[in-house]
Amino acid sequence: MQKIDIKNTLNPILRKKYLLATVLFFIWLILFDQNSLLKRQDSIKHLETLKDKKVYYLQKIESESKQLYELKTNKQNLEKYAREQYLMRKSNEDVFLIIEE
């Protein structure tokens, strides 16, 4: 009769179980977890778009602030802006719109 060494037969099986459990754990972390790598990558892309929008709106605020300052300080600029943007006119004037195609 051959003596069966239980330690030698169980070690490869247990190693495979631990390896399989580790691989499944990392797959779970990468794909399905609340903080998965895929969601993190999407969050980073979204953050970059928000940073771009922030830069755009800061530039827009700066230009609008300059325009507002000019409108508040100069009556001629205010009149010009009102005529161009809101088509306002004086009582004795006619306004003609030229639309270019």
PDB file of N, CA and C in Angstrom:
ATOM      1  N   MET A   1       0.824  -1.191   0.000  1.00  0.00           N
ATOM      2  CA  MET A   1       0.000   0.000   0.000  1.00  0.00           C
ATOM      3  C   MET A   1       0.861   1.244   0.000  1.00  0.00           C
ATOM      4  N   GLN A   2       0.394   2.167  -0.796  1.00  0.00           N
ATOM      5  CA  GLN A   2       1.111   3.441  -0.842  1.00  0.00           C
ATOM      6  C   GLN A   2       0.511   4.402   0.171  1.00  0.00           C
ATOM      7  N   LYS A   3       1.375   5.116   0.728  1.00  0.00           N
ATOM      8  CA  LYS A   3       0.940   6.105   1.703  1.00  0.00           C
ATOM      9  C   LYS A   3       0.624   7.404   0.946  1.00  0.00           C
ATOM     10  N   ILE A   4      -0.567   7.906   1.106  1.00  0.00           N
ATOM     11  CA  ILE A   4      -0.990   9.131   0.426  1.00  0.00           C
ATOM     12  C   ILE A   4      -0.667  10.311   1.332  1.00  0.00           C
ATOM     13  N   ASP A   5       0.115  11.203   0.774  1.00  0.00           N
ATOM     14  CA  ASP A   5       0.494  12.391   1.534  1.00  0.00           C
ATOM     15  C   ASP A   5      -0.592  13.455   1.332  1.00  0.00           C
ATOM     16  N   ILE A   6      -1.344  13.698   2.362  1.00  0.00           N
ATOM     17  CA  ILE A   6      -2.476  14.616   2.281  1.00  0.00           C
ATOM     18  C   ILE A   6      -1.996  16.052   2.052  1.00  0.00           C
ATOM     19  N   LYS A   7      -0.892  16.436   2.626  1.00  0.00           N
ATOM     20  CA  LYS A   7      -0.390  17.807   2.470  1.00  0.00           C
ATOM     21  C   LYS A   7      -0.049  18.105   1.016  1.00  0.00           C
ATOM     22  N   ASN A   8       0.592  17.188   0.352  1.00  0.00           N
ATOM     23  CA  ASN A   8       0.990  17.427  -1.039  1.00  0.00           C
ATOM     24  C   ASN A   8      -0.207  17.466  -1.989  1.00  0.00           C
ATOM     25  N   THR A   9      -1.244  16.723  -1.708  1.00  0.00           N
ATOM     26  CA  THR A   9      -2.411  16.734  -2.584  1.00  0.00           C
ATOM     27  C   THR A   9      -3.292  17.948  -2.343  1.00  0.00           C
ATOM     28  N   LEU A  10      -3.331  18.454  -1.141  1.00  0.00           N
ATOM     29  CA  LEU A  10      -4.187  19.613  -0.847  1.00  0.00           C
ATOM     30  C   LEU A  10      -3.532  20.940  -1.232  1.00  0.00           C
ATOM     31  N   ASN A  11      -2.252  21.042  -1.195  1.00  0.00           N
ATOM     32  CA  ASN A  11      -1.587  22.311  -1.488  1.00  0.00           C
ATOM     33  C   ASN A  11      -1.906  22.856  -2.887  1.00  0.00           C
ATOM     34  N   PRO A  12      -1.812  22.084  -3.971  1.00  0.00           N
ATOM     35  CA  PRO A  12      -2.157  22.655  -5.284  1.00  0.00           C
ATOM     36  C   PRO A  12      -3.621  23.063  -5.384  1.00  0.00           C
ATOM     37  N   ILE A  13      -4.486  22.298  -4.763  1.00  0.00           N
ATOM     38  CA  ILE A  13      -5.914  22.642  -4.798  1.00  0.00           C
ATOM     39  C   ILE A  13      -6.157  23.948  -4.043  1.00  0.00           C
ATOM     40  N   LEU A  14      -5.567  24.068  -2.865  1.00  0.00           N
ATOM     41  CA  LEU A  14      -5.739  25.292  -2.077  1.00  0.00           C
ATOM     42  C   LEU A  14      -5.098  26.492  -2.769  1.00  0.00           C
ATOM     43  N   ARG A  15      -3.974  26.273  -3.385  1.00  0.00           N
ATOM     44  CA  ARG A  15      -3.329  27.374  -4.110  1.00  0.00           C
ATOM     45  C   ARG A  15      -4.214  27.855  -5.241  1.00  0.00           C
ATOM     46  N   LYS A  16      -4.830  26.942  -5.925  1.00  0.00           N
ATOM     47  CA  LYS A  16      -5.723  27.331  -7.021  1.00  0.00           C
ATOM     48  C   LYS A  16      -6.937  28.084  -6.497  1.00  0.00           C
ATOM     49  N   LYS A  17      -7.445  27.679  -5.355  1.00  0.00           N
ATOM     50  CA  LYS A  17      -8.593  28.378  -4.774  1.00  0.00           C
ATOM     51  C   LYS A  17      -8.227  29.815  -4.410  1.00  0.00           C
ATOM     52  N   TYR A  18      -7.068  29.965  -3.773  1.00  0.00           N
ATOM     53  CA  TYR A  18      -6.639  31.313  -3.393  1.00  0.00           C
ATOM     54  C   TYR A  18      -6.357  32.172  -4.622  1.00  0.00           C
ATOM     55  N   LEU A  19      -5.748  31.566  -5.614  1.00  0.00           N
ATOM     56  CA  LEU A  19      -5.483  32.288  -6.852  1.00  0.00           C
ATOM     57  C   LEU A  19      -6.785  32.703  -7.519  1.00  0.00           C
ATOM     58  N   LEU A  20      -7.726  31.769  -7.592  1.00  0.00           N
ATOM     59  CA  LEU A  20      -9.025  32.074  -8.188  1.00  0.00           C
ATOM     60  C   LEU A  20      -9.756  33.162  -7.401  1.00  0.00           C
ATOM     61  N   ALA A  21      -9.723  33.063  -6.079  1.00  0.00           N
ATOM     62  CA  ALA A  21     -10.383  34.077  -5.242  1.00  0.00           C
ATOM     63  C   ALA A  21      -9.730  35.442  -5.431  1.00  0.00           C
ATOM     64  N   THR A  22      -8.421  35.484  -5.532  1.00  0.00           N
ATOM     65  CA  THR A  22      -7.712  36.749  -5.740  1.00  0.00           C
ATOM     66  C   THR A  22      -8.049  37.363  -7.091  1.00  0.00           C
ATOM     67  N   VAL A  23      -8.067  36.529  -8.116  1.00  0.00           N
ATOM     68  CA  VAL A  23      -8.403  37.017  -9.459  1.00  0.00           C
ATOM     69  C   VAL A  23      -9.835  37.532  -9.494  1.00  0.00           C
ATOM     70  N   LEU A  24     -10.754  36.785  -8.903  1.00  0.00           N
ATOM     71  CA  LEU A  24     -12.153  37.244  -8.854  1.00  0.00           C
ATOM     72  C   LEU A  24     -12.292  38.534  -8.067  1.00  0.00           C
ATOM     73  N   PHE A  25     -11.533  38.680  -6.995  1.00  0.00           N
ATOM     74  CA  PHE A  25     -11.566  39.902  -6.193  1.00  0.00           C
ATOM     75  C   PHE A  25     -11.123  41.108  -7.019  1.00  0.00           C
ATOM     76  N   PHE A  26     -10.019  40.959  -7.761  1.00  0.00           N
ATOM     77  CA  PHE A  26      -9.536  42.069  -8.580  1.00  0.00           C
ATOM     78  C   PHE A  26     -10.475  42.377  -9.739  1.00  0.00           C
ATOM     79  N   ILE A  27     -11.074  41.363 -10.316  1.00  0.00           N
ATOM     80  CA  ILE A  27     -12.072  41.605 -11.374  1.00  0.00           C
ATOM     81  C   ILE A  27     -13.249  42.372 -10.798  1.00  0.00           C
ATOM     82  N   TRP A  28     -13.668  41.977  -9.597  1.00  0.00           N
ATOM     83  CA  TRP A  28     -14.767  42.692  -8.943  1.00  0.00           C
ATOM     84  C   TRP A  28     -14.398  44.157  -8.702  1.00  0.00           C
ATOM     85  N   LEU A  29     -13.183  44.403  -8.228  1.00  0.00           N
ATOM     86  CA  LEU A  29     -12.740  45.772  -7.965  1.00  0.00           C
ATOM     87  C   LEU A  29     -12.672  46.596  -9.245  1.00  0.00           C
ATOM     88  N   ILE A  30     -12.210  45.983 -10.319  1.00  0.00           N
ATOM     89  CA  ILE A  30     -12.031  46.722 -11.568  1.00  0.00           C
ATOM     90  C   ILE A  30     -13.364  47.026 -12.242  1.00  0.00           C
ATOM     91  N   LEU A  31     -14.288  46.095 -12.214  1.00  0.00           N
ATOM     92  CA  LEU A  31     -15.502  46.249 -13.015  1.00  0.00           C
ATOM     93  C   LEU A  31     -16.761  46.601 -12.229  1.00  0.00           C
ATOM     94  N   PHE A  32     -16.965  45.979 -11.080  1.00  0.00           N
ATOM     95  CA  PHE A  32     -18.286  46.045 -10.461  1.00  0.00           C
ATOM     96  C   PHE A  32     -18.376  46.861  -9.178  1.00  0.00           C
ATOM     97  N   ASP A  33     -17.296  47.206  -8.571  1.00  0.00           N
ATOM     98  CA  ASP A  33     -17.314  47.897  -7.287  1.00  0.00           C
ATOM     99  C   ASP A  33     -17.838  49.322  -7.454  1.00  0.00           C
ATOM    100  N   GLN A  34     -18.281  49.906  -6.363  1.00  0.00           N
ATOM    101  CA  GLN A  34     -18.781  51.277  -6.394  1.00  0.00           C
ATOM    102  C   GLN A  34     -17.689  52.246  -6.837  1.00  0.00           C
ATOM    103  N   ASN A  35     -16.463  51.982  -6.467  1.00  0.00           N
ATOM    104  CA  ASN A  35     -15.328  52.823  -6.834  1.00  0.00           C
ATOM    105  C   ASN A  35     -14.450  52.118  -7.868  1.00  0.00           C
ATOM    106  N   SER A  36     -15.060  51.536  -8.873  1.00  0.00           N
ATOM    107  CA  SER A  36     -14.313  50.762  -9.858  1.00  0.00           C
ATOM    108  C   SER A  36     -13.451  51.672 -10.731  1.00  0.00           C
ATOM    109  N   LEU A  37     -12.523  51.067 -11.409  1.00  0.00           N
ATOM    110  CA  LEU A  37     -11.626  51.829 -12.277  1.00  0.00           C
ATOM    111  C   LEU A  37     -12.385  52.467 -13.436  1.00  0.00           C
ATOM    112  N   LEU A  38     -13.397  51.785 -13.938  1.00  0.00           N
ATOM    113  CA  LEU A  38     -14.182  52.344 -15.046  1.00  0.00           C
ATOM    114  C   LEU A  38     -14.939  53.602 -14.605  1.00  0.00           C
ATOM    115  N   LYS A  39     -15.553  53.537 -13.440  1.00  0.00           N
ATOM    116  CA  LYS A  39     -16.262  54.714 -12.927  1.00  0.00           C
ATOM    117  C   LYS A  39     -15.289  55.837 -12.594  1.00  0.00           C
ATOM    118  N   ARG A  40     -14.122  55.466 -12.104  1.00  0.00           N
ATOM    119  CA  ARG A  40     -13.105  56.473 -11.787  1.00  0.00           C
ATOM    120  C   ARG A  40     -12.641  57.176 -13.055  1.00  0.00           C
ATOM    121  N   GLN A  41     -12.466  56.425 -14.128  1.00  0.00           N
ATOM    122  CA  GLN A  41     -12.043  57.010 -15.393  1.00  0.00           C
ATOM    123  C   GLN A  41     -13.126  57.960 -15.929  1.00  0.00           C
ATOM    124  N   ASP A  42     -14.387  57.557 -15.822  1.00  0.00           N
ATOM    125  CA  ASP A  42     -15.476  58.445 -16.235  1.00  0.00           C
ATOM    126  C   ASP A  42     -15.502  59.717 -15.391  1.00  0.00           C
ATOM    127  N   SER A  43     -15.256  59.567 -14.097  1.00  0.00           N
ATOM    128  CA  SER A  43     -15.241  60.737 -13.212  1.00  0.00           C
ATOM    129  C   SER A  43     -14.102  61.686 -13.571  1.00  0.00           C
ATOM    130  N   ILE A  44     -12.956  61.142 -13.946  1.00  0.00           N
ATOM    131  CA  ILE A  44     -11.828  61.983 -14.334  1.00  0.00           C
ATOM    132  C   ILE A  44     -12.143  62.741 -15.619  1.00  0.00           C
ATOM    133  N   LYS A  45     -12.772  62.078 -16.590  1.00  0.00           N
ATOM    134  CA  LYS A  45     -13.172  62.753 -17.826  1.00  0.00           C
ATOM    135  C   LYS A  45     -14.177  63.865 -17.539  1.00  0.00           C
ATOM    136  N   HIS A  46     -15.141  63.561 -16.672  1.00  0.00           N
ATOM    137  CA  HIS A  46     -16.146  64.564 -16.316  1.00  0.00           C
ATOM    138  C   HIS A  46     -15.504  65.752 -15.612  1.00  0.00           C
ATOM    139  N   LEU A  47     -14.541  65.487 -14.754  1.00  0.00           N
ATOM    140  CA  LEU A  47     -13.820  66.556 -14.062  1.00  0.00           C
ATOM    141  C   LEU A  47     -13.079  67.443 -15.056  1.00  0.00           C
ATOM    142  N   GLU A  48     -12.467  66.845 -16.069  1.00  0.00           N
ATOM    143  CA  GLU A  48     -11.751  67.632 -17.083  1.00  0.00           C
ATOM    144  C   GLU A  48     -12.715  68.536 -17.859  1.00  0.00           C
ATOM    145  N   THR A  49     -13.888  68.014 -18.211  1.00  0.00           N
ATOM    146  CA  THR A  49     -14.857  68.861 -18.921  1.00  0.00           C
ATOM    147  C   THR A  49     -15.339  69.997 -18.021  1.00  0.00           C
ATOM    148  N   LEU A  50     -15.521  69.713 -16.742  1.00  0.00           N
ATOM    149  CA  LEU A  50     -15.936  70.767 -15.817  1.00  0.00           C
ATOM    150  C   LEU A  50     -14.860  71.835 -15.650  1.00  0.00           C
ATOM    151  N   LYS A  51     -13.598  71.421 -15.652  1.00  0.00           N
ATOM    152  CA  LYS A  51     -12.510  72.397 -15.566  1.00  0.00           C
ATOM    153  C   LYS A  51     -12.480  73.280 -16.812  1.00  0.00           C
ATOM    154  N   ASP A  52     -12.717  72.676 -17.981  1.00  0.00           N
ATOM    155  CA  ASP A  52     -12.769  73.458 -19.215  1.00  0.00           C
ATOM    156  C   ASP A  52     -13.918  74.459 -19.183  1.00  0.00           C
ATOM    157  N   LYS A  53     -15.070  74.002 -18.697  1.00  0.00           N
ATOM    158  CA  LYS A  53     -16.222  74.902 -18.588  1.00  0.00           C
ATOM    159  C   LYS A  53     -15.938  76.030 -17.604  1.00  0.00           C
ATOM    160  N   LYS A  54     -15.228  75.717 -16.521  1.00  0.00           N
ATOM    161  CA  LYS A  54     -14.890  76.737 -15.525  1.00  0.00           C
ATOM    162  C   LYS A  54     -14.037  77.826 -16.149  1.00  0.00           C
ATOM    163  N   VAL A  55     -13.032  77.426 -16.928  1.00  0.00           N
ATOM    164  CA  VAL A  55     -12.165  78.399 -17.596  1.00  0.00           C
ATOM    165  C   VAL A  55     -12.983  79.255 -18.553  1.00  0.00           C
ATOM    166  N   TYR A  56     -13.866  78.620 -19.325  1.00  0.00           N
ATOM    167  CA  TYR A  56     -14.706  79.355 -20.269  1.00  0.00           C
ATOM    168  C   TYR A  56     -15.573  80.390 -19.548  1.00  0.00           C
ATOM    169  N   TYR A  57     -16.238  79.949 -18.483  1.00  0.00           N
ATOM    170  CA  TYR A  57     -17.134  80.868 -17.785  1.00  0.00           C
ATOM    171  C   TYR A  57     -16.381  81.968 -17.045  1.00  0.00           C
ATOM    172  N   LEU A  58     -15.196  81.696 -16.553  1.00  0.00           N
ATOM    173  CA  LEU A  58     -14.407  82.759 -15.929  1.00  0.00           C
ATOM    174  C   LEU A  58     -14.010  83.819 -16.958  1.00  0.00           C
ATOM    175  N   GLN A  59     -13.643  83.376 -18.152  1.00  0.00           N
ATOM    176  CA  GLN A  59     -13.330  84.335 -19.217  1.00  0.00           C
ATOM    177  C   GLN A  59     -14.578  85.120 -19.610  1.00  0.00           C
ATOM    178  N   LYS A  60     -15.710  84.436 -19.675  1.00  0.00           N
ATOM    179  CA  LYS A  60     -16.968  85.094 -20.027  1.00  0.00           C
ATOM    180  C   LYS A  60     -17.342  86.131 -18.959  1.00  0.00           C
ATOM    181  N   ILE A  61     -17.174  85.791 -17.705  1.00  0.00           N
ATOM    182  CA  ILE A  61     -17.481  86.723 -16.615  1.00  0.00           C
ATOM    183  C   ILE A  61     -16.578  87.940 -16.696  1.00  0.00           C
ATOM    184  N   GLU A  62     -15.316  87.717 -17.000  1.00  0.00           N
ATOM    185  CA  GLU A  62     -14.377  88.834 -17.096  1.00  0.00           C
ATOM    186  C   GLU A  62     -14.764  89.785 -18.233  1.00  0.00           C
ATOM    187  N   SER A  63     -15.093  89.233 -19.388  1.00  0.00           N
ATOM    188  CA  SER A  63     -15.460  90.097 -20.514  1.00  0.00           C
ATOM    189  C   SER A  63     -16.781  90.816 -20.253  1.00  0.00           C
ATOM    190  N   GLU A  64     -17.736  90.125 -19.632  1.00  0.00           N
ATOM    191  CA  GLU A  64     -19.019  90.761 -19.320  1.00  0.00           C
ATOM    192  C   GLU A  64     -18.845  91.851 -18.257  1.00  0.00           C
ATOM    193  N   SER A  65     -17.950  91.646 -17.324  1.00  0.00           N
ATOM    194  CA  SER A  65     -17.696  92.664 -16.299  1.00  0.00           C
ATOM    195  C   SER A  65     -17.099  93.924 -16.922  1.00  0.00           C
ATOM    196  N   LYS A  66     -16.177  93.739 -17.870  1.00  0.00           N
ATOM    197  CA  LYS A  66     -15.606  94.898 -18.567  1.00  0.00           C
ATOM    198  C   LYS A  66     -16.684  95.645 -19.344  1.00  0.00           C
ATOM    199  N   GLN A  67     -17.536  94.889 -20.024  1.00  0.00           N
ATOM    200  CA  GLN A  67     -18.607  95.514 -20.803  1.00  0.00           C
ATOM    201  C   GLN A  67     -19.579  96.245 -19.881  1.00  0.00           C
ATOM    202  N   LEU A  68     -19.904  95.659 -18.753  1.00  0.00           N
ATOM    203  CA  LEU A  68     -20.802  96.310 -17.805  1.00  0.00           C
ATOM    204  C   LEU A  68     -20.186  97.590 -17.257  1.00  0.00           C
ATOM    205  N   TYR A  69     -18.899  97.559 -16.964  1.00  0.00           N
ATOM    206  CA  TYR A  69     -18.224  98.759 -16.478  1.00  0.00           C
ATOM    207  C   TYR A  69     -18.279  99.871 -17.535  1.00  0.00           C
ATOM    208  N   GLU A  70     -18.035  99.503 -18.798  1.00  0.00           N
ATOM    209  CA  GLU A  70     -18.104 100.494 -19.866  1.00  0.00           C
ATOM    210  C   GLU A  70     -19.509 101.052 -20.023  1.00  0.00           C
ATOM    211  N   LEU A  71     -20.507 100.210 -19.876  1.00  0.00           N
ATOM    212  CA  LEU A  71     -21.889 100.680 -20.009  1.00  0.00           C
ATOM    213  C   LEU A  71     -22.283 101.593 -18.849  1.00  0.00           C
ATOM    214  N   LYS A  72     -21.778 101.310 -17.667  1.00  0.00           N
ATOM    215  CA  LYS A  72     -22.119 102.132 -16.504  1.00  0.00           C
ATOM    216  C   LYS A  72     -21.389 103.468 -16.514  1.00  0.00           C
ATOM    217  N   THR A  73     -20.223 103.525 -17.133  1.00  0.00           N
ATOM    218  CA  THR A  73     -19.432 104.747 -17.050  1.00  0.00           C
ATOM    219  C   THR A  73     -19.609 105.661 -18.256  1.00  0.00           C
ATOM    220  N   ASN A  74     -20.040 105.150 -19.389  1.00  0.00           N
ATOM    221  CA  ASN A  74     -20.107 105.963 -20.592  1.00  0.00           C
ATOM    222  C   ASN A  74     -21.518 105.897 -21.175  1.00  0.00           C
ATOM    223  N   LYS A  75     -22.185 107.040 -21.237  1.00  0.00           N
ATOM    224  CA  LYS A  75     -23.558 107.103 -21.744  1.00  0.00           C
ATOM    225  C   LYS A  75     -23.628 106.771 -23.236  1.00  0.00           C
ATOM    226  N   GLN A  76     -22.602 107.138 -23.994  1.00  0.00           N
ATOM    227  CA  GLN A  76     -22.609 106.847 -25.427  1.00  0.00           C
ATOM    228  C   GLN A  76     -22.531 105.336 -25.680  1.00  0.00           C
ATOM    229  N   ASN A  77     -21.723 104.645 -24.898  1.00  0.00           N
ATOM    230  CA  ASN A  77     -21.661 103.194 -25.033  1.00  0.00           C
ATOM    231  C   ASN A  77     -22.986 102.534 -24.662  1.00  0.00           C
ATOM    232  N   LEU A  78     -23.645 103.097 -23.649  1.00  0.00           N
ATOM    233  CA  LEU A  78     -24.940 102.569 -23.241  1.00  0.00           C
ATOM    234  C   LEU A  78     -25.971 102.742 -24.357  1.00  0.00           C
ATOM    235  N   GLU A  79     -25.990 103.913 -24.971  1.00  0.00           N
ATOM    236  CA  GLU A  79     -26.926 104.164 -26.064  1.00  0.00           C
ATOM    237  C   GLU A  79     -26.614 103.262 -27.263  1.00  0.00           C
ATOM    238  N   LYS A  80     -25.356 103.116 -27.596  1.00  0.00           N
ATOM    239  CA  LYS A  80     -24.955 102.260 -28.710  1.00  0.00           C
ATOM    240  C   LYS A  80     -25.361 100.806 -28.461  1.00  0.00           C
ATOM    241  N   TYR A  81     -25.138 100.350 -27.246  1.00  0.00           N
ATOM    242  CA  TYR A  81     -25.500  98.969 -26.893  1.00  0.00           C
ATOM    243  C   TYR A  81     -27.015  98.762 -26.976  1.00  0.00           C
ATOM    244  N   ALA A  82     -27.770  99.699 -26.467  1.00  0.00           N
ATOM    245  CA  ALA A  82     -29.230  99.583 -26.497  1.00  0.00           C
ATOM    246  C   ALA A  82     -29.744  99.578 -27.931  1.00  0.00           C
ATOM    247  N   ARG A  83     -29.169 100.398 -28.786  1.00  0.00           N
ATOM    248  CA  ARG A  83     -29.599 100.438 -30.182  1.00  0.00           C
ATOM    249  C   ARG A  83     -29.257  99.130 -30.908  1.00  0.00           C
ATOM    250  N   GLU A  84     -28.057  98.616 -30.672  1.00  0.00           N
ATOM    251  CA  GLU A  84     -27.633  97.419 -31.391  1.00  0.00           C
ATOM    252  C   GLU A  84     -28.292  96.144 -30.864  1.00  0.00           C
ATOM    253  N   GLN A  85     -28.391  96.001 -29.565  1.00  0.00           N
ATOM    254  CA  GLN A  85     -28.876  94.744 -28.993  1.00  0.00           C
ATOM    255  C   GLN A  85     -30.404  94.680 -28.890  1.00  0.00           C
ATOM    256  N   TYR A  86     -31.026  95.794 -28.542  1.00  0.00           N
ATOM    257  CA  TYR A  86     -32.454  95.790 -28.284  1.00  0.00           C
ATOM    258  C   TYR A  86     -33.258  96.573 -29.317  1.00  0.00           C
ATOM    259  N   LEU A  87     -32.596  97.030 -30.362  1.00  0.00           N
ATOM    260  CA  LEU A  87     -33.237  97.760 -31.463  1.00  0.00           C
ATOM    261  C   LEU A  87     -34.053  98.955 -30.968  1.00  0.00           C
ATOM    262  N   MET A  88     -33.530  99.648 -29.980  1.00  0.00           N
ATOM    263  CA  MET A  88     -34.195 100.839 -29.469  1.00  0.00           C
ATOM    264  C   MET A  88     -33.905 102.010 -30.403  1.00  0.00           C
ATOM    265  N   ARG A  89     -34.801 102.946 -30.396  1.00  0.00           N
ATOM    266  CA  ARG A  89     -34.649 104.099 -31.281  1.00  0.00           C
ATOM    267  C   ARG A  89     -35.214 105.339 -30.597  1.00  0.00           C
ATOM    268  N   LYS A  90     -34.818 106.458 -31.144  1.00  0.00           N
ATOM    269  CA  LYS A  90     -35.385 107.713 -30.672  1.00  0.00           C
ATOM    270  C   LYS A  90     -36.734 107.912 -31.363  1.00  0.00           C
ATOM    271  N   SER A  91     -37.522 108.850 -30.854  1.00  0.00           N
ATOM    272  CA  SER A  91     -38.899 109.002 -31.359  1.00  0.00           C
ATOM    273  C   SER A  91     -38.961 109.475 -32.814  1.00  0.00           C
ATOM    274  N   ASN A  92     -37.965 110.166 -33.293  1.00  0.00           N
ATOM    275  CA  ASN A  92     -38.006 110.684 -34.656  1.00  0.00           C
ATOM    276  C   ASN A  92     -37.152 109.852 -35.619  1.00  0.00           C
ATOM    277  N   GLU A  93     -36.816 108.617 -35.275  1.00  0.00           N
ATOM    278  CA  GLU A  93     -35.966 107.787 -36.119  1.00  0.00           C
ATOM    279  C   GLU A  93     -36.717 106.556 -36.613  1.00  0.00           C
ATOM    280  N   ASP A  94     -36.242 106.027 -37.719  1.00  0.00           N
ATOM    281  CA  ASP A  94     -36.714 104.741 -38.220  1.00  0.00           C
ATOM    282  C   ASP A  94     -35.546 103.757 -38.159  1.00  0.00           C
ATOM    283  N   VAL A  95     -35.866 102.499 -37.888  1.00  0.00           N
ATOM    284  CA  VAL A  95     -34.831 101.484 -37.792  1.00  0.00           C
ATOM    285  C   VAL A  95     -35.001 100.506 -38.962  1.00  0.00           C
ATOM    286  N   PHE A  96     -33.932 100.296 -39.671  1.00  0.00           N
ATOM    287  CA  PHE A  96     -33.934  99.330 -40.774  1.00  0.00           C
ATOM    288  C   PHE A  96     -32.978  98.191 -40.423  1.00  0.00           C
ATOM    289  N   LEU A  97     -33.473  96.987 -40.555  1.00  0.00           N
ATOM    290  CA  LEU A  97     -32.642  95.808 -40.290  1.00  0.00           C
ATOM    291  C   LEU A  97     -32.177  95.250 -41.623  1.00  0.00           C
ATOM    292  N   ILE A  98     -30.889  95.035 -41.730  1.00  0.00           N
ATOM    293  CA  ILE A  98     -30.313  94.427 -42.925  1.00  0.00           C
ATOM    294  C   ILE A  98     -29.846  93.037 -42.529  1.00  0.00           C
ATOM    295  N   ILE A  99     -30.458  92.029 -43.124  1.00  0.00           N
ATOM    296  CA  ILE A  99     -30.119  90.649 -42.807  1.00  0.00           C
ATOM    297  C   ILE A  99     -29.321  90.085 -43.969  1.00  0.00           C
ATOM    298  N   GLU A 100     -28.089  89.685 -43.699  1.00  0.00           N
ATOM    299  CA  GLU A 100     -27.241  89.120 -44.735  1.00  0.00           C
ATOM    300  C   GLU A 100     -27.375  87.604 -44.735  1.00  0.00           C
ATOM    301  N   GLU A 101     -27.442  87.050 -45.920  1.00  0.00           N
ATOM    302  CA  GLU A 101     -27.562  85.602 -46.017  1.00  0.00           C
ATOM    303  C   GLU A 101     -26.255  84.987 -46.437  1.00  0.00           C
TER     304      GLU A 101
END
